[in-house]
Amino acid sequence: MGISFFQLLVILLIVLVLFGRGKLPALAEDIGKSVKAFRKGIEDADKDDKKAVENKSEDKEK
């Protein structure tokens, strides 16, 4: 139950067409931007959590 030669050629043709039209590089760029935005959101949330913990500890000290 492997991939036949014809199926392999069709897959290769599809990949080449997508690369030729620049679809895959654009898709990779979009994915990269999404990942960067996601990481930035996580970092911002971590910073907010740290500030909230610091504020709570300051309130307890007073």
PDB file of N, CA and C in Angstrom:
ATOM      1  N   MET A   1       0.826  -1.185   0.000  1.00  0.00           N
ATOM      2  CA  MET A   1       0.000   0.000   0.000  1.00  0.00           C
ATOM      3  C   MET A   1       0.870   1.249   0.000  1.00  0.00           C
ATOM      4  N   GLY A   2       1.728   1.364  -0.950  1.00  0.00           N
ATOM      5  CA  GLY A   2       2.580   2.535  -1.036  1.00  0.00           C
ATOM      6  C   GLY A   2       2.068   3.504  -2.090  1.00  0.00           C
ATOM      7  N   ILE A   3       2.803   4.568  -2.259  1.00  0.00           N
ATOM      8  CA  ILE A   3       2.442   5.566  -3.259  1.00  0.00           C
ATOM      9  C   ILE A   3       2.932   5.073  -4.617  1.00  0.00           C
ATOM     10  N   SER A   4       2.040   5.085  -5.570  1.00  0.00           N
ATOM     11  CA  SER A   4       2.443   4.648  -6.903  1.00  0.00           C
ATOM     12  C   SER A   4       3.255   5.746  -7.593  1.00  0.00           C
ATOM     13  N   PHE A   5       3.898   5.379  -8.648  1.00  0.00           N
ATOM     14  CA  PHE A   5       4.730   6.326  -9.401  1.00  0.00           C
ATOM     15  C   PHE A   5       3.885   7.469  -9.937  1.00  0.00           C
ATOM     16  N   PHE A   6       2.696   7.174 -10.430  1.00  0.00           N
ATOM     17  CA  PHE A   6       1.811   8.212 -10.971  1.00  0.00           C
ATOM     18  C   PHE A   6       1.405   9.199  -9.881  1.00  0.00           C
ATOM     19  N   GLN A   7       1.055   8.685  -8.693  1.00  0.00           N
ATOM     20  CA  GLN A   7       0.672   9.562  -7.586  1.00  0.00           C
ATOM     21  C   GLN A   7       1.835  10.455  -7.165  1.00  0.00           C
ATOM     22  N   LEU A   8       3.034   9.898  -7.157  1.00  0.00           N
ATOM     23  CA  LEU A   8       4.215  10.673  -6.819  1.00  0.00           C
ATOM     24  C   LEU A   8       4.452  11.797  -7.824  1.00  0.00           C
ATOM     25  N   LEU A   9       4.262  11.507  -9.104  1.00  0.00           N
ATOM     26  CA  LEU A   9       4.417  12.540 -10.135  1.00  0.00           C
ATOM     27  C   LEU A   9       3.383  13.649  -9.978  1.00  0.00           C
ATOM     28  N   VAL A  10       2.150  13.283  -9.660  1.00  0.00           N
ATOM     29  CA  VAL A  10       1.096  14.287  -9.467  1.00  0.00           C
ATOM     30  C   VAL A  10       1.424  15.183  -8.276  1.00  0.00           C
ATOM     31  N   ILE A  11       1.876  14.582  -7.183  1.00  0.00           N
ATOM     32  CA  ILE A  11       2.251  15.371  -6.002  1.00  0.00           C
ATOM     33  C   ILE A  11       3.408  16.310  -6.327  1.00  0.00           C
ATOM     34  N   LEU A  12       4.393  15.818  -7.035  1.00  0.00           N
ATOM     35  CA  LEU A  12       5.537  16.632  -7.432  1.00  0.00           C
ATOM     36  C   LEU A  12       5.101  17.783  -8.328  1.00  0.00           C
ATOM     37  N   LEU A  13       4.204  17.512  -9.255  1.00  0.00           N
ATOM     38  CA  LEU A  13       3.705  18.551 -10.149  1.00  0.00           C
ATOM     39  C   LEU A  13       2.968  19.635  -9.371  1.00  0.00           C
ATOM     40  N   ILE A  14       2.151  19.240  -8.422  1.00  0.00           N
ATOM     41  CA  ILE A  14       1.410  20.217  -7.612  1.00  0.00           C
ATOM     42  C   ILE A  14       2.378  21.095  -6.826  1.00  0.00           C
ATOM     43  N   VAL A  15       3.387  20.487  -6.215  1.00  0.00           N
ATOM     44  CA  VAL A  15       4.375  21.250  -5.441  1.00  0.00           C
ATOM     45  C   VAL A  15       5.122  22.221  -6.346  1.00  0.00           C
ATOM     46  N   LEU A  16       5.520  21.772  -7.521  1.00  0.00           N
ATOM     47  CA  LEU A  16       6.246  22.655  -8.443  1.00  0.00           C
ATOM     48  C   LEU A  16       5.382  23.822  -8.912  1.00  0.00           C
ATOM     49  N   VAL A  17       4.119  23.565  -9.176  1.00  0.00           N
ATOM     50  CA  VAL A  17       3.217  24.640  -9.598  1.00  0.00           C
ATOM     51  C   VAL A  17       3.056  25.662  -8.478  1.00  0.00           C
ATOM     52  N   LEU A  18       2.886  25.182  -7.255  1.00  0.00           N
ATOM     53  CA  LEU A  18       2.737  26.103  -6.126  1.00  0.00           C
ATOM     54  C   LEU A  18       3.997  26.931  -5.908  1.00  0.00           C
ATOM     55  N   PHE A  19       5.172  26.305  -6.029  1.00  0.00           N
ATOM     56  CA  PHE A  19       6.413  27.049  -5.886  1.00  0.00           C
ATOM     57  C   PHE A  19       6.580  28.045  -7.023  1.00  0.00           C
ATOM     58  N   GLY A  20       6.203  27.635  -8.224  1.00  0.00           N
ATOM     59  CA  GLY A  20       6.353  28.509  -9.385  1.00  0.00           C
ATOM     60  C   GLY A  20       5.512  29.763  -9.285  1.00  0.00           C
ATOM     61  N   ARG A  21       4.373  29.654  -8.663  1.00  0.00           N
ATOM     62  CA  ARG A  21       3.492  30.812  -8.519  1.00  0.00           C
ATOM     63  C   ARG A  21       3.760  31.600  -7.247  1.00  0.00           C
ATOM     64  N   GLY A  22       4.674  31.116  -6.435  1.00  0.00           N
ATOM     65  CA  GLY A  22       5.021  31.825  -5.214  1.00  0.00           C
ATOM     66  C   GLY A  22       4.038  31.638  -4.088  1.00  0.00           C
ATOM     67  N   LYS A  23       3.191  30.626  -4.179  1.00  0.00           N
ATOM     68  CA  LYS A  23       2.192  30.410  -3.134  1.00  0.00           C
ATOM     69  C   LYS A  23       2.826  29.888  -1.844  1.00  0.00           C
ATOM     70  N   LEU A  24       3.729  28.935  -1.960  1.00  0.00           N
ATOM     71  CA  LEU A  24       4.321  28.364  -0.751  1.00  0.00           C
ATOM     72  C   LEU A  24       5.207  29.358  -0.011  1.00  0.00           C
ATOM     73  N   PRO A  25       6.057  30.123  -0.689  1.00  0.00           N
ATOM     74  CA  PRO A  25       6.839  31.121   0.057  1.00  0.00           C
ATOM     75  C   PRO A  25       5.949  32.151   0.760  1.00  0.00           C
ATOM     76  N   ALA A  26       4.872  32.562   0.111  1.00  0.00           N
ATOM     77  CA  ALA A  26       3.952  33.522   0.739  1.00  0.00           C
ATOM     78  C   ALA A  26       3.261  32.878   1.928  1.00  0.00           C
ATOM     79  N   LEU A  27       2.902  31.615   1.794  1.00  0.00           N
ATOM     80  CA  LEU A  27       2.262  30.897   2.887  1.00  0.00           C
ATOM     81  C   LEU A  27       3.226  30.762   4.060  1.00  0.00           C
ATOM     82  N   ALA A  28       4.469  30.443   3.768  1.00  0.00           N
ATOM     83  CA  ALA A  28       5.475  30.309   4.822  1.00  0.00           C
ATOM     84  C   ALA A  28       5.677  31.650   5.536  1.00  0.00           C
ATOM     85  N   GLU A  29       5.674  32.731   4.784  1.00  0.00           N
ATOM     86  CA  GLU A  29       5.829  34.058   5.381  1.00  0.00           C
ATOM     87  C   GLU A  29       4.644  34.385   6.284  1.00  0.00           C
ATOM     88  N   ASP A  30       3.445  34.079   5.834  1.00  0.00           N
ATOM     89  CA  ASP A  30       2.248  34.323   6.643  1.00  0.00           C
ATOM     90  C   ASP A  30       2.275  33.502   7.933  1.00  0.00           C
ATOM     91  N   ILE A  31       2.700  32.266   7.825  1.00  0.00           N
ATOM     92  CA  ILE A  31       2.784  31.414   9.007  1.00  0.00           C
ATOM     93  C   ILE A  31       3.828  31.965   9.973  1.00  0.00           C
ATOM     94  N   GLY A  32       4.949  32.426   9.429  1.00  0.00           N
ATOM     95  CA  GLY A  32       5.991  33.015  10.273  1.00  0.00           C
ATOM     96  C   GLY A  32       5.496  34.244  11.014  1.00  0.00           C
ATOM     97  N   LYS A  33       4.742  35.096  10.335  1.00  0.00           N
ATOM     98  CA  LYS A  33       4.188  36.285  10.986  1.00  0.00           C
ATOM     99  C   LYS A  33       3.201  35.900  12.068  1.00  0.00           C
ATOM    100  N   SER A  34       2.389  34.883  11.806  1.00  0.00           N
ATOM    101  CA  SER A  34       1.415  34.435  12.799  1.00  0.00           C
ATOM    102  C   SER A  34       2.116  33.892  14.040  1.00  0.00           C
ATOM    103  N   VAL A  35       3.177  33.124  13.833  1.00  0.00           N
ATOM    104  CA  VAL A  35       3.915  32.556  14.963  1.00  0.00           C
ATOM    105  C   VAL A  35       4.563  33.675  15.781  1.00  0.00           C
ATOM    106  N   LYS A  36       5.135  34.675  15.105  1.00  0.00           N
ATOM    107  CA  LYS A  36       5.750  35.796  15.825  1.00  0.00           C
ATOM    108  C   LYS A  36       4.714  36.550  16.642  1.00  0.00           C
ATOM    109  N   ALA A  37       3.548  36.785  16.059  1.00  0.00           N
ATOM    110  CA  ALA A  37       2.485  37.490  16.778  1.00  0.00           C
ATOM    111  C   ALA A  37       2.014  36.668  17.978  1.00  0.00           C
ATOM    112  N   PHE A  38       1.915  35.369  17.797  1.00  0.00           N
ATOM    113  CA  PHE A  38       1.496  34.481  18.892  1.00  0.00           C
ATOM    114  C   PHE A  38       2.509  34.516  20.027  1.00  0.00           C
ATOM    115  N   ARG A  39       3.803  34.447  19.687  1.00  0.00           N
ATOM    116  CA  ARG A  39       4.844  34.484  20.715  1.00  0.00           C
ATOM    117  C   ARG A  39       4.833  35.823  21.443  1.00  0.00           C
ATOM    118  N   LYS A  40       4.640  36.910  20.689  1.00  0.00           N
ATOM    119  CA  LYS A  40       4.600  38.236  21.304  1.00  0.00           C
ATOM    120  C   LYS A  40       3.417  38.330  22.257  1.00  0.00           C
ATOM    121  N   GLY A  41       2.290  37.781  21.863  1.00  0.00           N
ATOM    122  CA  GLY A  41       1.118  37.782  22.732  1.00  0.00           C
ATOM    123  C   GLY A  41       1.360  37.015  24.011  1.00  0.00           C
ATOM    124  N   ILE A  42       2.042  35.884  23.912  1.00  0.00           N
ATOM    125  CA  ILE A  42       2.356  35.089  25.098  1.00  0.00           C
ATOM    126  C   ILE A  42       3.309  35.863  26.002  1.00  0.00           C
ATOM    127  N   GLU A  43       4.329  36.506  25.411  1.00  0.00           N
ATOM    128  CA  GLU A  43       5.278  37.276  26.214  1.00  0.00           C
ATOM    129  C   GLU A  43       4.586  38.438  26.909  1.00  0.00           C
ATOM    130  N   ASP A  44       3.687  39.116  26.208  1.00  0.00           N
ATOM    131  CA  ASP A  44       2.951  40.229  26.806  1.00  0.00           C
ATOM    132  C   ASP A  44       2.070  39.743  27.951  1.00  0.00           C
ATOM    133  N   ALA A  45       1.454  38.594  27.773  1.00  0.00           N
ATOM    134  CA  ALA A  45       0.611  38.034  28.830  1.00  0.00           C
ATOM    135  C   ALA A  45       1.460  37.665  30.045  1.00  0.00           C
ATOM    136  N   ASP A  46       2.655  37.126  29.810  1.00  0.00           N
ATOM    137  CA  ASP A  46       3.546  36.793  30.923  1.00  0.00           C
ATOM    138  C   ASP A  46       3.957  38.050  31.679  1.00  0.00           C
ATOM    139  N   LYS A  47       4.252  39.124  30.954  1.00  0.00           N
ATOM    140  CA  LYS A  47       4.631  40.384  31.591  1.00  0.00           C
ATOM    141  C   LYS A  47       3.481  40.919  32.430  1.00  0.00           C
ATOM    142  N   ASP A  48       2.270  40.841  31.895  1.00  0.00           N
ATOM    143  CA  ASP A  48       1.096  41.309  32.636  1.00  0.00           C
ATOM    144  C   ASP A  48       0.884  40.484  33.900  1.00  0.00           C
ATOM    145  N   ASP A  49       1.098  39.171  33.803  1.00  0.00           N
ATOM    146  CA  ASP A  49       0.948  38.304  34.971  1.00  0.00           C
ATOM    147  C   ASP A  49       1.982  38.658  36.046  1.00  0.00           C
ATOM    148  N   LYS A  50       3.222  38.917  35.615  1.00  0.00           N
ATOM    149  CA  LYS A  50       4.271  39.278  36.576  1.00  0.00           C
ATOM    150  C   LYS A  50       3.942  40.600  37.265  1.00  0.00           C
ATOM    151  N   LYS A  51       3.428  41.566  36.504  1.00  0.00           N
ATOM    152  CA  LYS A  51       3.051  42.852  37.093  1.00  0.00           C
ATOM    153  C   LYS A  51       1.920  42.673  38.087  1.00  0.00           C
ATOM    154  N   ALA A  52       0.969  41.822  37.763  1.00  0.00           N
ATOM    155  CA  ALA A  52      -0.155  41.582  38.664  1.00  0.00           C
ATOM    156  C   ALA A  52       0.324  40.929  39.958  1.00  0.00           C
ATOM    157  N   VAL A  53       1.250  40.007  39.864  1.00  0.00           N
ATOM    158  CA  VAL A  53       1.787  39.345  41.058  1.00  0.00           C
ATOM    159  C   VAL A  53       2.558  40.350  41.898  1.00  0.00           C
ATOM    160  N   GLU A  54       3.348  41.211  41.245  1.00  0.00           N
ATOM    161  CA  GLU A  54       4.102  42.228  41.976  1.00  0.00           C
ATOM    162  C   GLU A  54       3.155  43.204  42.675  1.00  0.00           C
ATOM    163  N   ASN A  55       2.094  43.607  42.007  1.00  0.00           N
ATOM    164  CA  ASN A  55       1.133  44.529  42.612  1.00  0.00           C
ATOM    165  C   ASN A  55       0.442  43.898  43.816  1.00  0.00           C
ATOM    166  N   LYS A  56       0.107  42.622  43.731  1.00  0.00           N
ATOM    167  CA  LYS A  56      -0.529  41.931  44.846  1.00  0.00           C
ATOM    168  C   LYS A  56       0.416  41.834  46.043  1.00  0.00           C
ATOM    169  N   SER A  57       1.699  41.552  45.768  1.00  0.00           N
ATOM    170  CA  SER A  57       2.658  41.444  46.861  1.00  0.00           C
ATOM    171  C   SER A  57       2.893  42.804  47.508  1.00  0.00           C
ATOM    172  N   GLU A  58       2.881  43.883  46.715  1.00  0.00           N
ATOM    173  CA  GLU A  58       3.027  45.231  47.269  1.00  0.00           C
ATOM    174  C   GLU A  58       1.821  45.593  48.119  1.00  0.00           C
ATOM    175  N   ASP A  59       0.632  45.199  47.689  1.00  0.00           N
ATOM    176  CA  ASP A  59      -0.580  45.490  48.456  1.00  0.00           C
ATOM    177  C   ASP A  59      -0.566  44.744  49.798  1.00  0.00           C
ATOM    178  N   LYS A  60      -0.057  43.530  49.817  1.00  0.00           N
ATOM    179  CA  LYS A  60       0.008  42.751  51.047  1.00  0.00           C
ATOM    180  C   LYS A  60       1.000  43.362  52.029  1.00  0.00           C
ATOM    181  N   GLU A  61       2.093  43.926  51.506  1.00  0.00           N
ATOM    182  CA  GLU A  61       3.106  44.528  52.362  1.00  0.00           C
ATOM    183  C   GLU A  61       2.586  45.798  53.032  1.00  0.00           C
ATOM    184  N   LYS A  62       1.678  46.497  52.388  1.00  0.00           N
ATOM    185  CA  LYS A  62       1.148  47.753  52.945  1.00  0.00           C
ATOM    186  C   LYS A  62       0.136  47.466  53.944  1.00  0.00           C
TER     187      LYS A  62
END
